[in-house]
Amino acid sequence: MDLNDLLAREDCLPSTPKVLALLHAELGQHAPDLRKICQLFGGDPAIAASLLRRANHQGGALSGRVGGVSEALALLSLAQVRAVVGAASVGTTFATIPGVNLQQFW
């Protein structure tokens, strides 16, 4: 399976539980550290793809042009970022994806 095809599937890739837990903790802070959030998103291709999809969908005039995690975080509200993380948490219940070694992918 081609990487672009894999990343285009919204319901396909689960995120690492550790990254999700760290994101939940940081986003639960009174004043979340956006640098730390950016690093956490950058360390997990599945959740980064979800964030970019959301930012490009929300972007209006920028639609389809948001190419980085930091750009997406600047465009989206914290509530929208929390929604991305919450939705990704549901995806961690899937154990495998046929033809993909998730440990190697992460």
PDB file of N, CA and C in Angstrom:
ATOM      1  N   MET A   1       0.856  -1.176   0.000  1.00  0.00           N
ATOM      2  CA  MET A   1       0.000   0.000   0.000  1.00  0.00           C
ATOM      3  C   MET A   1       0.905   1.243   0.000  1.00  0.00           C
ATOM      4  N   ASP A   2       0.605   2.181  -0.857  1.00  0.00           N
ATOM      5  CA  ASP A   2       1.344   3.430  -0.969  1.00  0.00           C
ATOM      6  C   ASP A   2       1.112   4.293   0.270  1.00  0.00           C
ATOM      7  N   LEU A   3       2.149   4.998   0.733  1.00  0.00           N
ATOM      8  CA  LEU A   3       2.044   5.825   1.934  1.00  0.00           C
ATOM      9  C   LEU A   3       0.953   6.877   1.806  1.00  0.00           C
ATOM     10  N   ASN A   4       0.844   7.528   0.650  1.00  0.00           N
ATOM     11  CA  ASN A   4      -0.197   8.540   0.457  1.00  0.00           C
ATOM     12  C   ASN A   4      -1.591   7.932   0.554  1.00  0.00           C
ATOM     13  N   ASP A   5      -1.759   6.730   0.003  1.00  0.00           N
ATOM     14  CA  ASP A   5      -3.051   6.045   0.106  1.00  0.00           C
ATOM     15  C   ASP A   5      -3.375   5.719   1.558  1.00  0.00           C
ATOM     16  N   LEU A   6      -2.357   5.272   2.275  1.00  0.00           N
ATOM     17  CA  LEU A   6      -2.540   4.924   3.677  1.00  0.00           C
ATOM     18  C   LEU A   6      -2.929   6.143   4.506  1.00  0.00           C
ATOM     19  N   LEU A   7      -2.248   7.247   4.293  1.00  0.00           N
ATOM     20  CA  LEU A   7      -2.533   8.462   5.057  1.00  0.00           C
ATOM     21  C   LEU A   7      -3.863   9.091   4.665  1.00  0.00           C
ATOM     22  N   ALA A   8      -4.331   8.828   3.454  1.00  0.00           N
ATOM     23  CA  ALA A   8      -5.597   9.398   2.999  1.00  0.00           C
ATOM     24  C   ALA A   8      -6.803   8.722   3.643  1.00  0.00           C
ATOM     25  N   ARG A   9      -6.614   7.533   4.186  1.00  0.00           N
ATOM     26  CA  ARG A   9      -7.715   6.804   4.813  1.00  0.00           C
ATOM     27  C   ARG A   9      -7.916   7.325   6.237  1.00  0.00           C
ATOM     28  N   GLU A  10      -9.009   8.022   6.464  1.00  0.00           N
ATOM     29  CA  GLU A  10      -9.262   8.646   7.748  1.00  0.00           C
ATOM     30  C   GLU A  10      -9.412   7.658   8.888  1.00  0.00           C
ATOM     31  N   ASP A  11     -10.019   6.533   8.642  1.00  0.00           N
ATOM     32  CA  ASP A  11     -10.318   5.594   9.712  1.00  0.00           C
ATOM     33  C   ASP A  11      -9.290   4.483   9.844  1.00  0.00           C
ATOM     34  N   CYS A  12      -8.185   4.593   9.169  1.00  0.00           N
ATOM     35  CA  CYS A  12      -7.276   3.475   9.050  1.00  0.00           C
ATOM     36  C   CYS A  12      -6.191   3.427  10.117  1.00  0.00           C
ATOM     37  N   LEU A  13      -5.458   4.493  10.305  1.00  0.00           N
ATOM     38  CA  LEU A  13      -4.276   4.460  11.143  1.00  0.00           C
ATOM     39  C   LEU A  13      -4.551   4.831  12.596  1.00  0.00           C
ATOM     40  N   PRO A  14      -4.248   3.942  13.516  1.00  0.00           N
ATOM     41  CA  PRO A  14      -4.337   4.325  14.919  1.00  0.00           C
ATOM     42  C   PRO A  14      -3.070   5.058  15.339  1.00  0.00           C
ATOM     43  N   SER A  15      -3.173   5.887  16.338  1.00  0.00           N
ATOM     44  CA  SER A  15      -2.019   6.579  16.887  1.00  0.00           C
ATOM     45  C   SER A  15      -1.468   5.789  18.061  1.00  0.00           C
ATOM     46  N   THR A  16      -0.219   6.077  18.403  1.00  0.00           N
ATOM     47  CA  THR A  16       0.369   5.386  19.541  1.00  0.00           C
ATOM     48  C   THR A  16      -0.316   5.858  20.819  1.00  0.00           C
ATOM     49  N   PRO A  17      -0.699   4.935  21.687  1.00  0.00           N
ATOM     50  CA  PRO A  17      -1.377   5.316  22.931  1.00  0.00           C
ATOM     51  C   PRO A  17      -0.561   6.280  23.794  1.00  0.00           C
ATOM     52  N   LYS A  18       0.763   6.129  23.790  1.00  0.00           N
ATOM     53  CA  LYS A  18       1.612   7.006  24.608  1.00  0.00           C
ATOM     54  C   LYS A  18       1.503   8.456  24.144  1.00  0.00           C
ATOM     55  N   VAL A  19       1.561   8.670  22.834  1.00  0.00           N
ATOM     56  CA  VAL A  19       1.456  10.024  22.289  1.00  0.00           C
ATOM     57  C   VAL A  19       0.092  10.623  22.617  1.00  0.00           C
ATOM     58  N   LEU A  20      -0.950   9.818  22.462  1.00  0.00           N
ATOM     59  CA  LEU A  20      -2.295  10.312  22.771  1.00  0.00           C
ATOM     60  C   LEU A  20      -2.423  10.689  24.244  1.00  0.00           C
ATOM     61  N   ALA A  21      -1.867   9.871  25.118  1.00  0.00           N
ATOM     62  CA  ALA A  21      -1.928  10.175  26.554  1.00  0.00           C
ATOM     63  C   ALA A  21      -1.192  11.477  26.860  1.00  0.00           C
ATOM     64  N   LEU A  22      -0.033  11.666  26.248  1.00  0.00           N
ATOM     65  CA  LEU A  22       0.732  12.903  26.469  1.00  0.00           C
ATOM     66  C   LEU A  22      -0.001  14.117  25.903  1.00  0.00           C
ATOM     67  N   LEU A  23      -0.636  13.952  24.753  1.00  0.00           N
ATOM     68  CA  LEU A  23      -1.417  15.050  24.175  1.00  0.00           C
ATOM     69  C   LEU A  23      -2.621  15.393  25.044  1.00  0.00           C
ATOM     70  N   HIS A  24      -3.325  14.372  25.514  1.00  0.00           N
ATOM     71  CA  HIS A  24      -4.462  14.621  26.413  1.00  0.00           C
ATOM     72  C   HIS A  24      -4.012  15.385  27.652  1.00  0.00           C
ATOM     73  N   ALA A  25      -2.890  14.974  28.224  1.00  0.00           N
ATOM     74  CA  ALA A  25      -2.380  15.633  29.428  1.00  0.00           C
ATOM     75  C   ALA A  25      -2.012  17.084  29.145  1.00  0.00           C
ATOM     76  N   GLU A  26      -1.320  17.318  28.050  1.00  0.00           N
ATOM     77  CA  GLU A  26      -0.896  18.690  27.730  1.00  0.00           C
ATOM     78  C   GLU A  26      -2.087  19.570  27.387  1.00  0.00           C
ATOM     79  N   LEU A  27      -3.027  19.042  26.629  1.00  0.00           N
ATOM     80  CA  LEU A  27      -4.204  19.823  26.247  1.00  0.00           C
ATOM     81  C   LEU A  27      -5.133  20.066  27.438  1.00  0.00           C
ATOM     82  N   GLY A  28      -4.967  19.299  28.493  1.00  0.00           N
ATOM     83  CA  GLY A  28      -5.758  19.493  29.704  1.00  0.00           C
ATOM     84  C   GLY A  28      -5.196  20.570  30.629  1.00  0.00           C
ATOM     85  N   GLN A  29      -4.002  21.051  30.323  1.00  0.00           N
ATOM     86  CA  GLN A  29      -3.375  22.110  31.137  1.00  0.00           C
ATOM     87  C   GLN A  29      -4.107  23.434  30.952  1.00  0.00           C
ATOM     88  N   HIS A  30      -4.004  24.288  31.970  1.00  0.00           N
ATOM     89  CA  HIS A  30      -4.614  25.615  31.891  1.00  0.00           C
ATOM     90  C   HIS A  30      -4.034  26.416  30.715  1.00  0.00           C
ATOM     91  N   ALA A  31      -2.725  26.328  30.542  1.00  0.00           N
ATOM     92  CA  ALA A  31      -2.051  27.010  29.427  1.00  0.00           C
ATOM     93  C   ALA A  31      -1.173  25.980  28.707  1.00  0.00           C
ATOM     94  N   PRO A  32      -1.739  25.232  27.755  1.00  0.00           N
ATOM     95  CA  PRO A  32      -0.967  24.200  27.052  1.00  0.00           C
ATOM     96  C   PRO A  32       0.236  24.789  26.316  1.00  0.00           C
ATOM     97  N   ASP A  33       1.333  24.043  26.322  1.00  0.00           N
ATOM     98  CA  ASP A  33       2.562  24.441  25.641  1.00  0.00           C
ATOM     99  C   ASP A  33       2.456  24.017  24.172  1.00  0.00           C
ATOM    100  N   LEU A  34       2.276  24.982  23.276  1.00  0.00           N
ATOM    101  CA  LEU A  34       2.081  24.664  21.857  1.00  0.00           C
ATOM    102  C   LEU A  34       3.313  24.027  21.226  1.00  0.00           C
ATOM    103  N   ARG A  35       4.500  24.367  21.727  1.00  0.00           N
ATOM    104  CA  ARG A  35       5.711  23.716  21.194  1.00  0.00           C
ATOM    105  C   ARG A  35       5.708  22.229  21.501  1.00  0.00           C
ATOM    106  N   LYS A  36       5.338  21.915  22.739  1.00  0.00           N
ATOM    107  CA  LYS A  36       5.276  20.511  23.137  1.00  0.00           C
ATOM    108  C   LYS A  36       4.196  19.778  22.332  1.00  0.00           C
ATOM    109  N   ILE A  37       3.053  20.411  22.152  1.00  0.00           N
ATOM    110  CA  ILE A  37       1.965  19.820  21.371  1.00  0.00           C
ATOM    111  C   ILE A  37       2.426  19.587  19.931  1.00  0.00           C
ATOM    112  N   CYS A  38       3.124  20.546  19.368  1.00  0.00           N
ATOM    113  CA  CYS A  38       3.639  20.423  18.004  1.00  0.00           C
ATOM    114  C   CYS A  38       4.607  19.239  17.904  1.00  0.00           C
ATOM    115  N   GLN A  39       5.486  19.088  18.878  1.00  0.00           N
ATOM    116  CA  GLN A  39       6.439  17.980  18.875  1.00  0.00           C
ATOM    117  C   GLN A  39       5.714  16.641  18.985  1.00  0.00           C
ATOM    118  N   LEU A  40       4.694  16.586  19.835  1.00  0.00           N
ATOM    119  CA  LEU A  40       3.952  15.341  20.007  1.00  0.00           C
ATOM    120  C   LEU A  40       3.218  14.956  18.719  1.00  0.00           C
ATOM    121  N   PHE A  41       2.562  15.918  18.091  1.00  0.00           N
ATOM    122  CA  PHE A  41       1.901  15.638  16.819  1.00  0.00           C
ATOM    123  C   PHE A  41       2.915  15.203  15.772  1.00  0.00           C
ATOM    124  N   GLY A  42       4.063  15.861  15.754  1.00  0.00           N
ATOM    125  CA  GLY A  42       5.099  15.545  14.777  1.00  0.00           C
ATOM    126  C   GLY A  42       5.698  14.164  14.949  1.00  0.00           C
ATOM    127  N   GLY A  43       5.556  13.588  16.135  1.00  0.00           N
ATOM    128  CA  GLY A  43       6.110  12.269  16.402  1.00  0.00           C
ATOM    129  C   GLY A  43       5.179  11.118  16.060  1.00  0.00           C
ATOM    130  N   ASP A  44       4.003  11.418  15.569  1.00  0.00           N
ATOM    131  CA  ASP A  44       3.041  10.358  15.248  1.00  0.00           C
ATOM    132  C   ASP A  44       2.382  10.668  13.907  1.00  0.00           C
ATOM    133  N   PRO A  45       2.762   9.950  12.856  1.00  0.00           N
ATOM    134  CA  PRO A  45       2.245  10.265  11.522  1.00  0.00           C
ATOM    135  C   PRO A  45       0.725  10.181  11.407  1.00  0.00           C
ATOM    136  N   ALA A  46       0.111   9.273  12.136  1.00  0.00           N
ATOM    137  CA  ALA A  46      -1.339   9.101  12.022  1.00  0.00           C
ATOM    138  C   ALA A  46      -2.085  10.311  12.552  1.00  0.00           C
ATOM    139  N   ILE A  47      -1.719  10.774  13.733  1.00  0.00           N
ATOM    140  CA  ILE A  47      -2.434  11.916  14.312  1.00  0.00           C
ATOM    141  C   ILE A  47      -2.042  13.212  13.615  1.00  0.00           C
ATOM    142  N   ALA A  48      -0.805  13.290  13.121  1.00  0.00           N
ATOM    143  CA  ALA A  48      -0.399  14.471  12.350  1.00  0.00           C
ATOM    144  C   ALA A  48      -1.230  14.567  11.075  1.00  0.00           C
ATOM    145  N   ALA A  49      -1.466  13.432  10.424  1.00  0.00           N
ATOM    146  CA  ALA A  49      -2.289  13.427   9.202  1.00  0.00           C
ATOM    147  C   ALA A  49      -3.717  13.866   9.518  1.00  0.00           C
ATOM    148  N   SER A  50      -4.247  13.419  10.648  1.00  0.00           N
ATOM    149  CA  SER A  50      -5.601  13.827  11.054  1.00  0.00           C
ATOM    150  C   SER A  50      -5.676  15.329  11.302  1.00  0.00           C
ATOM    151  N   LEU A  51      -4.649  15.848  11.960  1.00  0.00           N
ATOM    152  CA  LEU A  51      -4.602  17.287  12.241  1.00  0.00           C
ATOM    153  C   LEU A  51      -4.537  18.087  10.939  1.00  0.00           C
ATOM    154  N   LEU A  52      -3.701  17.652  10.014  1.00  0.00           N
ATOM    155  CA  LEU A  52      -3.569  18.357   8.738  1.00  0.00           C
ATOM    156  C   LEU A  52      -4.847  18.273   7.916  1.00  0.00           C
ATOM    157  N   ARG A  53      -5.500  17.109   7.953  1.00  0.00           N
ATOM    158  CA  ARG A  53      -6.781  16.974   7.259  1.00  0.00           C
ATOM    159  C   ARG A  53      -7.790  17.973   7.818  1.00  0.00           C
ATOM    160  N   ARG A  54      -7.849  18.074   9.140  1.00  0.00           N
ATOM    161  CA  ARG A  54      -8.800  18.998   9.793  1.00  0.00           C
ATOM    162  C   ARG A  54      -8.467  20.439   9.439  1.00  0.00           C
ATOM    163  N   ALA A  55      -7.194  20.790   9.490  1.00  0.00           N
ATOM    164  CA  ALA A  55      -6.781  22.166   9.189  1.00  0.00           C
ATOM    165  C   ALA A  55      -7.066  22.518   7.735  1.00  0.00           C
ATOM    166  N   ASN A  56      -6.822  21.598   6.828  1.00  0.00           N
ATOM    167  CA  ASN A  56      -7.072  21.867   5.417  1.00  0.00           C
ATOM    168  C   ASN A  56      -8.559  21.924   5.115  1.00  0.00           C
ATOM    169  N   HIS A  57      -9.335  21.207   5.854  1.00  0.00           N
ATOM    170  CA  HIS A  57     -10.795  21.265   5.694  1.00  0.00           C
ATOM    171  C   HIS A  57     -11.346  22.581   6.231  1.00  0.00           C
ATOM    172  N   GLN A  58     -10.778  23.065   7.336  1.00  0.00           N
ATOM    173  CA  GLN A  58     -11.219  24.290   7.996  1.00  0.00           C
ATOM    174  C   GLN A  58     -10.624  25.540   7.371  1.00  0.00           C
ATOM    175  N   GLY A  59      -9.572  25.374   6.580  1.00  0.00           N
ATOM    176  CA  GLY A  59      -8.747  26.484   6.161  1.00  0.00           C
ATOM    177  C   GLY A  59      -9.361  27.561   5.296  1.00  0.00           C
ATOM    178  N   GLY A  60     -10.508  27.341   4.711  1.00  0.00           N
ATOM    179  CA  GLY A  60     -11.105  28.349   3.838  1.00  0.00           C
ATOM    180  C   GLY A  60     -10.192  28.647   2.670  1.00  0.00           C
ATOM    181  N   ALA A  61      -9.678  29.849   2.623  1.00  0.00           N
ATOM    182  CA  ALA A  61      -8.796  30.260   1.529  1.00  0.00           C
ATOM    183  C   ALA A  61      -7.503  29.448   1.520  1.00  0.00           C
ATOM    184  N   LEU A  62      -7.108  28.929   2.684  1.00  0.00           N
ATOM    185  CA  LEU A  62      -5.886  28.130   2.768  1.00  0.00           C
ATOM    186  C   LEU A  62      -6.139  26.656   2.494  1.00  0.00           C
ATOM    187  N   SER A  63      -7.378  26.301   2.215  1.00  0.00           N
ATOM    188  CA  SER A  63      -7.757  24.899   2.050  1.00  0.00           C
ATOM    189  C   SER A  63      -6.791  24.161   1.124  1.00  0.00           C
ATOM    190  N   GLY A  64      -6.259  23.056   1.631  1.00  0.00           N
ATOM    191  CA  GLY A  64      -5.325  22.250   0.855  1.00  0.00           C
ATOM    192  C   GLY A  64      -3.901  22.743   0.883  1.00  0.00           C
ATOM    193  N   ARG A  65      -3.648  23.840   1.555  1.00  0.00           N
ATOM    194  CA  ARG A  65      -2.310  24.424   1.547  1.00  0.00           C
ATOM    195  C   ARG A  65      -1.588  24.308   2.886  1.00  0.00           C
ATOM    196  N   VAL A  66      -2.272  23.828   3.918  1.00  0.00           N
ATOM    197  CA  VAL A  66      -1.626  23.669   5.215  1.00  0.00           C
ATOM    198  C   VAL A  66      -0.814  22.384   5.160  1.00  0.00           C
ATOM    199  N   GLY A  67       0.502  22.523   5.230  1.00  0.00           N
ATOM    200  CA  GLY A  67       1.367  21.368   5.049  1.00  0.00           C
ATOM    201  C   GLY A  67       2.164  20.964   6.264  1.00  0.00           C
ATOM    202  N   GLY A  68       2.045  21.704   7.350  1.00  0.00           N
ATOM    203  CA  GLY A  68       2.830  21.385   8.531  1.00  0.00           C
ATOM    204  C   GLY A  68       2.014  21.453   9.803  1.00  0.00           C
ATOM    205  N   VAL A  69       2.487  20.739  10.809  1.00  0.00           N
ATOM    206  CA  VAL A  69       1.791  20.684  12.091  1.00  0.00           C
ATOM    207  C   VAL A  69       1.716  22.067  12.728  1.00  0.00           C
ATOM    208  N   SER A  70       2.799  22.823  12.696  1.00  0.00           N
ATOM    209  CA  SER A  70       2.779  24.150  13.321  1.00  0.00           C
ATOM    210  C   SER A  70       1.775  25.078  12.639  1.00  0.00           C
ATOM    211  N   GLU A  71       1.668  24.986  11.318  1.00  0.00           N
ATOM    212  CA  GLU A  71       0.668  25.783  10.592  1.00  0.00           C
ATOM    213  C   GLU A  71      -0.746  25.383  11.008  1.00  0.00           C
ATOM    214  N   ALA A  72      -0.967  24.087  11.115  1.00  0.00           N
ATOM    215  CA  ALA A  72      -2.291  23.587  11.489  1.00  0.00           C
ATOM    216  C   ALA A  72      -2.660  24.052  12.897  1.00  0.00           C
ATOM    217  N   LEU A  73      -1.705  24.000  13.816  1.00  0.00           N
ATOM    218  CA  LEU A  73      -1.972  24.435  15.191  1.00  0.00           C
ATOM    219  C   LEU A  73      -2.267  25.928  15.252  1.00  0.00           C
ATOM    220  N   ALA A  74      -1.632  26.705  14.377  1.00  0.00           N
ATOM    221  CA  ALA A  74      -1.890  28.147  14.348  1.00  0.00           C
ATOM    222  C   ALA A  74      -3.283  28.447  13.793  1.00  0.00           C
ATOM    223  N   LEU A  75      -3.764  27.602  12.914  1.00  0.00           N
ATOM    224  CA  LEU A  75      -5.048  27.818  12.260  1.00  0.00           C
ATOM    225  C   LEU A  75      -6.235  27.343  13.098  1.00  0.00           C
ATOM    226  N   LEU A  76      -6.057  26.224  13.805  1.00  0.00           N
ATOM    227  CA  LEU A  76      -7.161  25.618  14.548  1.00  0.00           C
ATOM    228  C   LEU A  76      -7.231  26.135  15.986  1.00  0.00           C
ATOM    229  N   SER A  77      -8.415  26.100  16.554  1.00  0.00           N
ATOM    230  CA  SER A  77      -8.585  26.441  17.966  1.00  0.00           C
ATOM    231  C   SER A  77      -8.163  25.244  18.820  1.00  0.00           C
ATOM    232  N   LEU A  78      -7.936  25.479  20.112  1.00  0.00           N
ATOM    233  CA  LEU A  78      -7.592  24.372  21.005  1.00  0.00           C
ATOM    234  C   LEU A  78      -8.728  23.354  21.070  1.00  0.00           C
ATOM    235  N   ALA A  79      -9.955  23.822  20.987  1.00  0.00           N
ATOM    236  CA  ALA A  79     -11.096  22.901  21.004  1.00  0.00           C
ATOM    237  C   ALA A  79     -11.046  21.969  19.791  1.00  0.00           C
ATOM    238  N   GLN A  80     -10.672  22.499  18.638  1.00  0.00           N
ATOM    239  CA  GLN A  80     -10.565  21.673  17.432  1.00  0.00           C
ATOM    240  C   GLN A  80      -9.410  20.681  17.546  1.00  0.00           C
ATOM    241  N   VAL A  81      -8.309  21.127  18.142  1.00  0.00           N
ATOM    242  CA  VAL A  81      -7.161  20.236  18.341  1.00  0.00           C
ATOM    243  C   VAL A  81      -7.549  19.123  19.316  1.00  0.00           C
ATOM    244  N   ARG A  82      -8.260  19.485  20.377  1.00  0.00           N
ATOM    245  CA  ARG A  82      -8.732  18.466  21.331  1.00  0.00           C
ATOM    246  C   ARG A  82      -9.656  17.465  20.640  1.00  0.00           C
ATOM    247  N   ALA A  83     -10.473  17.935  19.720  1.00  0.00           N
ATOM    248  CA  ALA A  83     -11.378  17.041  18.993  1.00  0.00           C
ATOM    249  C   ALA A  83     -10.593  16.053  18.132  1.00  0.00           C
ATOM    250  N   VAL A  84      -9.518  16.511  17.520  1.00  0.00           N
ATOM    251  CA  VAL A  84      -8.668  15.619  16.717  1.00  0.00           C
ATOM    252  C   VAL A  84      -8.071  14.534  17.611  1.00  0.00           C
ATOM    253  N   VAL A  85      -7.576  14.938  18.778  1.00  0.00           N
ATOM    254  CA  VAL A  85      -6.970  13.982  19.706  1.00  0.00           C
ATOM    255  C   VAL A  85      -8.021  13.008  20.234  1.00  0.00           C
ATOM    256  N   GLY A  86      -9.196  13.524  20.547  1.00  0.00           N
ATOM    257  CA  GLY A  86     -10.271  12.659  21.027  1.00  0.00           C
ATOM    258  C   GLY A  86     -10.686  11.632  19.994  1.00  0.00           C
ATOM    259  N   ALA A  87     -10.793  12.058  18.745  1.00  0.00           N
ATOM    260  CA  ALA A  87     -11.165  11.137  17.663  1.00  0.00           C
ATOM    261  C   ALA A  87     -10.069  10.097  17.438  1.00  0.00           C
ATOM    262  N   ALA A  88      -8.825  10.499  17.582  1.00  0.00           N
ATOM    263  CA  ALA A  88      -7.713   9.563  17.391  1.00  0.00           C
ATOM    264  C   ALA A  88      -7.690   8.509  18.492  1.00  0.00           C
ATOM    265  N   SER A  89      -8.136   8.879  19.668  1.00  0.00           N
ATOM    266  CA  SER A  89      -8.160   7.926  20.780  1.00  0.00           C
ATOM    267  C   SER A  89      -9.069   6.747  20.482  1.00  0.00           C
ATOM    268  N   VAL A  90     -10.129   6.983  19.763  1.00  0.00           N
ATOM    269  CA  VAL A  90     -11.045   5.913  19.381  1.00  0.00           C
ATOM    270  C   VAL A  90     -10.341   4.936  18.448  1.00  0.00           C
ATOM    271  N   GLY A  91      -9.473   5.444  17.583  1.00  0.00           N
ATOM    272  CA  GLY A  91      -8.776   4.601  16.611  1.00  0.00           C
ATOM    273  C   GLY A  91      -7.767   3.652  17.209  1.00  0.00           C
ATOM    274  N   THR A  92      -7.364   3.858  18.453  1.00  0.00           N
ATOM    275  CA  THR A  92      -6.358   2.985  19.058  1.00  0.00           C
ATOM    276  C   THR A  92      -6.920   1.616  19.398  1.00  0.00           C
ATOM    277  N   THR A  93      -8.217   1.432  19.287  1.00  0.00           N
ATOM    278  CA  THR A  93      -8.807   0.136  19.602  1.00  0.00           C
ATOM    279  C   THR A  93      -8.592  -0.876  18.485  1.00  0.00           C
ATOM    280  N   PHE A  94      -8.201  -0.426  17.305  1.00  0.00           N
ATOM    281  CA  PHE A  94      -7.955  -1.349  16.210  1.00  0.00           C
ATOM    282  C   PHE A  94      -6.551  -1.910  16.335  1.00  0.00           C
ATOM    283  N   ALA A  95      -6.437  -3.234  16.376  1.00  0.00           N
ATOM    284  CA  ALA A  95      -5.158  -3.881  16.642  1.00  0.00           C
ATOM    285  C   ALA A  95      -4.234  -3.916  15.433  1.00  0.00           C
ATOM    286  N   THR A  96      -4.769  -4.158  14.244  1.00  0.00           N
ATOM    287  CA  THR A  96      -3.912  -4.319  13.071  1.00  0.00           C
ATOM    288  C   THR A  96      -4.549  -3.698  11.837  1.00  0.00           C
ATOM    289  N   ILE A  97      -3.702  -3.464  10.868  1.00  0.00           N
ATOM    290  CA  ILE A  97      -4.138  -3.024   9.548  1.00  0.00           C
ATOM    291  C   ILE A  97      -3.476  -3.988   8.569  1.00  0.00           C
ATOM    292  N   PRO A  98      -4.247  -4.687   7.773  1.00  0.00           N
ATOM    293  CA  PRO A  98      -3.663  -5.667   6.855  1.00  0.00           C
ATOM    294  C   PRO A  98      -2.564  -5.055   5.980  1.00  0.00           C
ATOM    295  N   GLY A  99      -1.422  -5.713   5.946  1.00  0.00           N
ATOM    296  CA  GLY A  99      -0.316  -5.293   5.100  1.00  0.00           C
ATOM    297  C   GLY A  99       0.544  -4.183   5.675  1.00  0.00           C
ATOM    298  N   VAL A 100       0.273  -3.758   6.924  1.00  0.00           N
ATOM    299  CA  VAL A 100       1.051  -2.666   7.515  1.00  0.00           C
ATOM    300  C   VAL A 100       1.601  -3.114   8.866  1.00  0.00           C
ATOM    301  N   ASN A 101       2.902  -3.009   9.030  1.00  0.00           N
ATOM    302  CA  ASN A 101       3.541  -3.246  10.316  1.00  0.00           C
ATOM    303  C   ASN A 101       3.521  -1.919  11.062  1.00  0.00           C
ATOM    304  N   LEU A 102       2.543  -1.758  11.974  1.00  0.00           N
ATOM    305  CA  LEU A 102       2.359  -0.461  12.647  1.00  0.00           C
ATOM    306  C   LEU A 102       3.566  -0.073  13.497  1.00  0.00           C
ATOM    307  N   GLN A 103       4.225  -1.038  14.122  1.00  0.00           N
ATOM    308  CA  GLN A 103       5.401  -0.723  14.926  1.00  0.00           C
ATOM    309  C   GLN A 103       6.481  -0.087  14.051  1.00  0.00           C
ATOM    310  N   GLN A 104       6.691  -0.660  12.880  1.00  0.00           N
ATOM    311  CA  GLN A 104       7.665  -0.107  11.942  1.00  0.00           C
ATOM    312  C   GLN A 104       7.204   1.242  11.401  1.00  0.00           C
ATOM    313  N   PHE A 105       5.893   1.369  11.126  1.00  0.00           N
ATOM    314  CA  PHE A 105       5.352   2.614  10.600  1.00  0.00           C
ATOM    315  C   PHE A 105       5.569   3.749  11.590  1.00  0.00           C
ATOM    316  N   TRP A 106       5.251   3.505  12.876  1.00  0.00           N
ATOM    317  CA  TRP A 106       5.421   4.551  13.874  1.00  0.00           C
ATOM    318  C   TRP A 106       6.883   4.896  14.038  1.00  0.00           C
TER     319      TRP A 106
END
